N, C-alpha and C. Protein backbone atom coordinates (compact mmCIF):
# COMPACT_ATOMS: atom_id res chain seq x y z
N MET A 1 152.67 30.26 93.43
CA MET A 1 153.36 31.34 92.80
C MET A 1 154.36 31.88 93.78
N THR A 2 155.57 32.19 93.31
CA THR A 2 156.54 32.80 94.17
C THR A 2 156.82 34.21 93.49
N LEU A 3 157.69 34.98 94.08
CA LEU A 3 158.15 36.33 93.54
C LEU A 3 159.14 36.03 92.40
N GLU A 4 159.59 34.86 92.21
CA GLU A 4 160.49 34.52 91.10
C GLU A 4 159.72 34.19 89.85
N THR A 5 158.37 33.82 89.98
CA THR A 5 157.64 33.66 88.74
C THR A 5 156.30 34.07 89.27
N MET A 6 155.75 35.07 88.47
CA MET A 6 154.34 35.51 88.81
C MET A 6 153.45 35.37 87.58
N THR A 7 152.19 34.97 87.86
CA THR A 7 151.26 34.88 86.77
C THR A 7 149.99 35.73 87.28
N GLY A 8 149.17 35.94 86.27
CA GLY A 8 147.94 36.69 86.51
C GLY A 8 147.10 36.76 85.35
N GLY A 9 146.11 37.66 85.44
CA GLY A 9 145.21 37.76 84.25
C GLY A 9 144.01 38.62 84.69
N CYS A 10 143.08 38.71 83.80
CA CYS A 10 141.85 39.53 83.97
C CYS A 10 140.82 38.58 84.75
N ARG A 11 139.73 39.33 85.08
CA ARG A 11 138.57 38.67 85.73
C ARG A 11 137.93 37.53 85.04
N CYS A 12 137.62 37.80 83.64
CA CYS A 12 137.02 36.84 82.84
C CYS A 12 137.84 35.80 82.27
N GLY A 13 139.23 35.84 82.38
CA GLY A 13 140.04 34.84 81.91
C GLY A 13 140.57 34.93 80.38
N SER A 14 139.96 36.08 79.74
CA SER A 14 140.41 36.32 78.45
C SER A 14 141.94 36.60 78.28
N ILE A 15 142.51 37.15 79.23
CA ILE A 15 143.91 37.50 79.14
C ILE A 15 144.65 36.86 80.36
N ARG A 16 145.82 36.27 80.03
CA ARG A 16 146.70 35.68 81.07
C ARG A 16 148.11 36.30 80.82
N TYR A 17 148.93 36.45 81.90
CA TYR A 17 150.26 36.86 81.69
C TYR A 17 151.19 36.08 82.57
N HIS A 18 152.49 36.02 82.29
CA HIS A 18 153.48 35.35 83.04
C HIS A 18 154.69 36.29 83.13
N ILE A 19 155.31 36.53 84.38
CA ILE A 19 156.49 37.27 84.51
C ILE A 19 157.49 36.46 85.18
N PRO A 20 158.64 36.25 84.57
CA PRO A 20 159.76 35.56 85.19
C PRO A 20 160.54 36.58 85.99
N GLY A 21 160.98 36.20 87.23
CA GLY A 21 161.79 37.14 87.99
C GLY A 21 160.98 37.91 88.94
N ALA A 22 161.67 38.31 90.03
CA ALA A 22 161.14 39.10 91.11
C ALA A 22 160.89 40.66 90.65
N PRO A 23 160.00 41.19 91.38
CA PRO A 23 159.69 42.68 91.02
C PRO A 23 160.96 43.55 91.37
N LYS A 24 161.13 44.60 90.75
CA LYS A 24 162.26 45.53 91.18
C LYS A 24 161.85 46.31 92.41
N PHE A 25 160.69 46.74 92.46
CA PHE A 25 160.20 47.40 93.71
C PHE A 25 158.64 47.36 93.67
N GLN A 26 157.95 47.56 94.84
CA GLN A 26 156.56 47.51 95.02
C GLN A 26 156.13 48.70 95.79
N VAL A 27 155.00 49.33 95.24
CA VAL A 27 154.54 50.58 95.77
C VAL A 27 153.03 50.68 95.91
N GLN A 28 152.60 51.57 96.76
CA GLN A 28 151.24 52.01 96.71
C GLN A 28 151.31 53.44 96.07
N CYS A 29 150.65 53.54 94.98
CA CYS A 29 150.71 54.88 94.21
C CYS A 29 149.36 55.53 94.44
N HIS A 30 149.46 56.86 95.00
CA HIS A 30 148.29 57.63 95.17
C HIS A 30 148.06 58.74 94.22
N CYS A 31 148.72 58.64 92.96
CA CYS A 31 148.60 59.64 91.94
C CYS A 31 147.07 59.64 91.44
N ARG A 32 146.66 60.76 90.86
CA ARG A 32 145.15 60.79 90.37
C ARG A 32 144.87 59.70 89.33
N GLN A 33 145.89 59.53 88.42
CA GLN A 33 145.73 58.50 87.38
C GLN A 33 145.43 57.05 88.01
N CYS A 34 146.26 56.75 88.98
CA CYS A 34 146.16 55.47 89.64
C CYS A 34 144.84 55.32 90.40
N GLN A 35 144.42 56.39 90.98
CA GLN A 35 143.08 56.35 91.63
C GLN A 35 141.96 56.07 90.62
N GLN A 36 142.12 56.76 89.50
CA GLN A 36 141.10 56.55 88.50
C GLN A 36 141.04 55.03 87.95
N THR A 37 142.27 54.57 87.73
CA THR A 37 142.42 53.18 87.14
C THR A 37 141.96 52.22 88.10
N SER A 38 142.32 52.35 89.45
CA SER A 38 141.96 51.44 90.48
C SER A 38 140.51 51.49 90.94
N GLY A 39 139.96 52.71 90.85
CA GLY A 39 138.60 52.96 91.35
C GLY A 39 138.67 53.23 92.92
N GLY A 40 139.86 53.52 93.41
CA GLY A 40 140.06 53.63 94.93
C GLY A 40 141.07 54.73 95.03
N GLY A 41 141.47 54.79 96.41
CA GLY A 41 142.48 55.90 96.72
C GLY A 41 143.94 55.80 96.35
N HIS A 42 144.23 54.58 95.82
CA HIS A 42 145.54 54.25 95.35
C HIS A 42 145.54 53.04 94.46
N ALA A 43 146.59 52.83 93.84
CA ALA A 43 146.86 51.59 93.19
C ALA A 43 148.11 50.77 93.78
N SER A 44 147.98 49.55 93.92
CA SER A 44 149.05 48.71 94.40
C SER A 44 149.81 48.16 93.21
N ILE A 45 151.09 48.45 93.08
CA ILE A 45 151.81 48.12 91.82
C ILE A 45 153.04 47.45 92.10
N MET A 46 153.45 46.37 91.30
CA MET A 46 154.73 45.89 91.28
C MET A 46 155.45 46.23 90.07
N VAL A 47 156.62 46.74 90.19
CA VAL A 47 157.33 47.19 89.09
C VAL A 47 158.34 46.05 88.59
N CYS A 48 158.12 45.55 87.44
CA CYS A 48 158.95 44.19 87.01
C CYS A 48 159.60 44.47 85.81
N SER A 49 160.73 43.83 85.47
CA SER A 49 161.28 43.86 84.13
C SER A 49 160.44 43.24 83.11
N ASN A 50 160.38 43.87 81.97
CA ASN A 50 159.61 43.19 80.90
C ASN A 50 160.25 42.16 80.09
N GLU A 51 161.62 41.83 80.56
CA GLU A 51 162.36 40.68 79.88
C GLU A 51 161.75 39.45 80.19
N GLY A 52 161.15 38.64 79.19
CA GLY A 52 160.44 37.49 79.30
C GLY A 52 158.99 37.51 79.69
N PHE A 53 158.46 38.83 79.80
CA PHE A 53 157.03 38.96 80.04
C PHE A 53 156.21 38.38 78.99
N GLU A 54 155.26 37.62 79.19
CA GLU A 54 154.44 36.98 78.18
C GLU A 54 152.99 37.23 78.49
N MET A 55 152.20 37.37 77.49
CA MET A 55 150.74 37.65 77.64
C MET A 55 150.01 36.86 76.54
N SER A 56 148.99 36.21 76.82
CA SER A 56 148.02 35.65 75.89
C SER A 56 146.69 36.45 76.03
N GLY A 57 146.13 36.57 74.91
CA GLY A 57 144.90 37.28 74.83
C GLY A 57 145.15 38.83 74.32
N LYS A 58 144.15 39.50 74.03
CA LYS A 58 144.29 40.90 73.51
C LYS A 58 143.81 41.87 74.57
N ALA A 59 144.78 42.74 74.96
CA ALA A 59 144.45 43.78 75.84
C ALA A 59 144.08 45.07 75.11
N SER A 60 143.14 45.76 75.58
CA SER A 60 142.86 47.08 75.09
C SER A 60 143.82 47.92 75.81
N THR A 61 144.10 49.26 75.19
CA THR A 61 145.05 50.22 75.80
C THR A 61 144.38 51.60 75.89
N TYR A 62 144.75 52.40 76.81
CA TYR A 62 144.56 53.80 76.89
C TYR A 62 145.91 54.45 77.27
N SER A 63 146.33 55.52 76.34
CA SER A 63 147.57 56.18 76.62
C SER A 63 147.30 57.63 76.82
N TYR A 64 148.17 58.25 77.62
CA TYR A 64 148.15 59.71 77.82
C TYR A 64 149.60 60.15 78.14
N THR A 65 149.90 61.47 78.06
CA THR A 65 151.05 61.89 78.43
C THR A 65 151.11 62.42 79.89
N SER A 66 152.14 61.92 80.61
CA SER A 66 152.20 62.22 82.09
C SER A 66 152.70 63.65 82.26
N GLY A 67 152.69 64.08 83.44
CA GLY A 67 153.24 65.40 83.86
C GLY A 67 154.70 65.61 83.42
N ASP A 68 155.45 64.62 83.30
CA ASP A 68 156.73 64.54 82.94
C ASP A 68 157.03 64.47 81.39
N GLY A 69 156.04 64.28 80.77
CA GLY A 69 156.11 64.24 79.27
C GLY A 69 156.31 62.86 78.73
N ASN A 70 156.00 61.78 79.63
CA ASN A 70 156.23 60.51 79.23
C ASN A 70 154.93 59.87 78.73
N GLU A 71 154.90 59.04 77.78
CA GLU A 71 153.74 58.35 77.35
C GLU A 71 153.45 57.16 78.27
N VAL A 72 152.32 57.12 78.98
CA VAL A 72 152.02 56.07 79.89
C VAL A 72 150.83 55.28 79.25
N THR A 73 150.82 54.05 79.23
CA THR A 73 149.82 53.27 78.54
C THR A 73 149.32 52.28 79.52
N HIS A 74 147.98 52.29 79.79
CA HIS A 74 147.29 51.28 80.45
C HIS A 74 146.76 50.22 79.69
N HIS A 75 147.07 48.98 80.12
CA HIS A 75 146.46 47.74 79.41
C HIS A 75 145.48 47.18 80.29
N PHE A 76 144.36 46.90 79.65
CA PHE A 76 143.22 46.33 80.44
C PHE A 76 142.40 45.34 79.47
N CYS A 77 141.55 44.63 80.09
CA CYS A 77 140.87 43.53 79.34
C CYS A 77 139.70 44.31 78.63
N GLN A 78 139.53 44.07 77.27
CA GLN A 78 138.40 44.72 76.51
C GLN A 78 137.18 44.04 76.91
N CYS A 79 137.12 42.83 77.44
CA CYS A 79 135.91 42.08 77.89
C CYS A 79 135.35 42.45 79.18
N CYS A 80 136.20 42.45 80.28
CA CYS A 80 135.62 42.63 81.65
C CYS A 80 136.22 44.00 82.13
N GLY A 81 137.11 44.63 81.50
CA GLY A 81 137.60 45.93 81.92
C GLY A 81 138.60 45.86 83.12
N ALA A 82 139.04 44.65 83.41
CA ALA A 82 140.11 44.59 84.57
C ALA A 82 141.33 45.26 84.27
N PRO A 83 142.02 46.17 85.00
CA PRO A 83 143.18 46.69 84.71
C PRO A 83 144.34 45.71 85.10
N LEU A 84 145.22 45.59 84.18
CA LEU A 84 146.35 44.48 84.17
C LEU A 84 147.69 45.08 84.52
N PHE A 85 148.19 46.00 83.65
CA PHE A 85 149.47 46.54 83.88
C PHE A 85 149.54 47.87 83.03
N ASN A 86 150.61 48.57 83.29
CA ASN A 86 151.02 49.78 82.64
C ASN A 86 152.43 49.81 82.06
N THR A 87 152.61 50.60 81.06
CA THR A 87 153.96 50.79 80.51
C THR A 87 154.24 52.26 80.48
N ASN A 88 155.44 52.69 80.55
CA ASN A 88 155.81 54.12 80.56
C ASN A 88 157.14 54.30 79.56
N SER A 89 156.97 55.27 78.73
CA SER A 89 157.94 55.36 77.64
C SER A 89 159.41 55.78 78.13
N LYS A 90 159.41 56.33 79.37
CA LYS A 90 160.62 56.59 79.93
C LYS A 90 161.47 55.43 80.49
N PHE A 91 160.63 54.48 80.96
CA PHE A 91 161.13 53.21 81.38
C PHE A 91 160.73 52.03 80.59
N ALA A 92 161.25 51.95 79.42
CA ALA A 92 160.84 51.00 78.37
C ALA A 92 161.14 49.45 78.71
N LYS A 93 161.92 49.23 79.75
CA LYS A 93 162.27 47.89 80.19
C LYS A 93 161.47 47.40 81.38
N ALA A 94 160.38 48.26 81.68
CA ALA A 94 159.60 47.94 82.85
C ALA A 94 158.18 47.83 82.60
N VAL A 95 157.48 46.88 83.32
CA VAL A 95 156.06 46.72 83.25
C VAL A 95 155.54 46.96 84.71
N TYR A 96 154.48 47.76 84.86
CA TYR A 96 153.93 48.19 86.08
C TYR A 96 152.70 47.26 86.43
N VAL A 97 152.85 46.21 87.11
CA VAL A 97 151.69 45.13 87.22
C VAL A 97 150.78 45.64 88.34
N MET A 98 149.45 45.72 87.97
CA MET A 98 148.46 46.01 89.00
C MET A 98 148.33 44.75 89.87
N VAL A 99 148.52 44.89 91.14
CA VAL A 99 148.53 43.71 91.95
C VAL A 99 147.35 42.98 92.06
N GLY A 100 146.12 43.60 91.91
CA GLY A 100 144.93 42.84 91.85
C GLY A 100 144.68 41.96 90.76
N SER A 101 145.57 42.07 89.68
CA SER A 101 145.49 41.13 88.64
C SER A 101 146.31 39.87 88.72
N LEU A 102 147.11 39.87 89.85
CA LEU A 102 147.95 38.66 90.05
C LEU A 102 147.18 37.49 90.54
N ASP A 103 147.50 36.27 90.16
CA ASP A 103 146.86 35.07 90.62
C ASP A 103 146.93 35.04 92.24
N ASP A 104 148.02 35.52 92.74
CA ASP A 104 148.27 35.46 94.20
C ASP A 104 148.69 36.87 94.67
N PRO A 105 147.85 37.74 94.89
CA PRO A 105 148.21 39.12 95.37
C PRO A 105 148.70 39.18 96.78
N THR A 106 148.77 37.99 97.52
CA THR A 106 149.31 37.97 98.90
C THR A 106 150.77 38.12 98.76
N VAL A 107 151.41 37.93 97.59
CA VAL A 107 152.91 37.98 97.54
C VAL A 107 153.39 39.58 97.62
N PHE A 108 152.36 40.51 97.37
CA PHE A 108 152.72 41.79 97.38
C PHE A 108 153.21 42.37 98.84
N GLU A 109 154.29 43.03 98.78
CA GLU A 109 154.85 43.54 100.01
C GLU A 109 155.27 45.05 99.66
N PRO A 110 154.43 45.91 99.77
CA PRO A 110 154.71 47.41 99.45
C PRO A 110 156.03 47.86 100.29
N GLN A 111 156.82 48.59 99.52
CA GLN A 111 157.99 49.27 100.13
C GLN A 111 157.84 50.73 100.48
N ARG A 112 156.98 51.49 99.85
CA ARG A 112 156.70 52.82 100.00
C ARG A 112 155.39 53.36 99.42
N HIS A 113 154.93 54.44 99.79
CA HIS A 113 153.83 55.15 99.31
C HIS A 113 154.44 56.24 98.41
N ILE A 114 153.81 56.37 97.22
CA ILE A 114 154.42 57.51 96.42
C ILE A 114 153.11 58.35 95.89
N PHE A 115 153.48 59.62 95.54
CA PHE A 115 152.52 60.67 95.20
C PHE A 115 151.43 60.82 96.28
N THR A 116 151.98 60.84 97.43
CA THR A 116 150.96 61.02 98.56
C THR A 116 150.43 62.33 98.58
N GLY A 117 151.12 63.34 97.99
CA GLY A 117 150.48 64.70 97.89
C GLY A 117 149.25 64.82 97.11
N GLU A 118 148.85 63.70 96.33
CA GLU A 118 147.58 63.56 95.66
C GLU A 118 146.60 62.65 96.43
N GLY A 119 147.07 62.10 97.53
CA GLY A 119 146.18 61.14 98.23
C GLY A 119 145.23 61.78 99.09
N TYR A 120 144.36 61.03 99.74
CA TYR A 120 143.17 61.40 100.62
C TYR A 120 143.32 60.82 101.99
N ASP A 121 142.95 61.77 102.95
CA ASP A 121 142.92 61.34 104.23
C ASP A 121 142.10 60.11 104.62
N TRP A 122 141.11 59.71 103.78
CA TRP A 122 140.32 58.62 104.09
C TRP A 122 140.99 57.24 103.51
N ASP A 123 142.06 57.50 102.84
CA ASP A 123 142.78 56.30 102.32
C ASP A 123 144.06 56.04 103.27
N PRO A 124 143.95 55.12 104.19
CA PRO A 124 144.98 54.97 105.13
C PRO A 124 146.32 54.61 104.49
N LYS A 125 147.50 55.10 105.05
CA LYS A 125 148.90 54.82 104.61
C LYS A 125 149.53 54.13 105.68
N ASN A 126 150.30 53.08 105.40
CA ASN A 126 151.13 52.39 106.37
C ASN A 126 152.17 53.32 106.94
N PRO A 127 152.16 53.61 108.28
CA PRO A 127 153.14 54.56 108.84
C PRO A 127 154.55 53.99 108.92
N ASP A 128 154.67 52.54 108.74
CA ASP A 128 156.02 52.09 108.68
C ASP A 128 156.70 52.24 107.36
N LEU A 129 156.02 52.67 106.37
CA LEU A 129 156.60 52.85 105.00
C LEU A 129 156.99 54.25 104.84
N SER A 130 157.94 54.58 103.92
CA SER A 130 158.24 55.92 103.54
C SER A 130 157.03 56.45 102.78
N HIS A 131 156.81 57.77 102.82
CA HIS A 131 155.86 58.45 102.25
C HIS A 131 156.48 59.52 101.28
N GLU A 132 156.34 59.49 100.03
CA GLU A 132 156.91 60.36 99.07
C GLU A 132 155.89 61.23 98.52
N ILE A 133 156.05 62.57 98.57
CA ILE A 133 155.09 63.49 98.00
C ILE A 133 154.80 63.32 96.48
N THR A 134 155.98 63.07 95.88
CA THR A 134 155.83 62.68 94.37
C THR A 134 156.62 61.46 94.09
N LEU A 135 157.49 61.42 93.19
CA LEU A 135 158.33 60.20 92.84
C LEU A 135 159.70 60.37 93.67
N PRO A 136 160.25 59.44 94.32
CA PRO A 136 161.58 59.58 94.84
C PRO A 136 162.59 60.22 93.85
N GLY A 137 163.41 61.02 94.24
CA GLY A 137 164.43 61.72 93.36
C GLY A 137 163.97 62.87 92.53
N ARG A 138 162.73 63.19 92.72
CA ARG A 138 162.22 64.46 92.02
C ARG A 138 162.54 65.61 92.80
């Protein structure tokens, strides 16, 4: 797998996905919602175009309204519960892939930490990356 074609799926194999094209950007997100989704101090996310995104199997979803008023939908396996990807109504052409669901998560190269204002001291952050209190541009 390369960054030009990424594949992944859930733990039990019920869901598979294919993403043609490299990610637009890669982040470590420390917002509370990502903490709850990942079960840790942050979520590792690749933001990709949804053009050509293909998925087999049926994902369950959970949606909520973000602090900005956008509908965010988490897609996860209904059998094993593995988090797969998120979508955001404000960015309808993007899919936010949970790096742990990739077949080869070693291709992940985070570019920045976001929502560090919601992060914890016990969750280390790479000092070589930028640290954004919220989203860049807010």
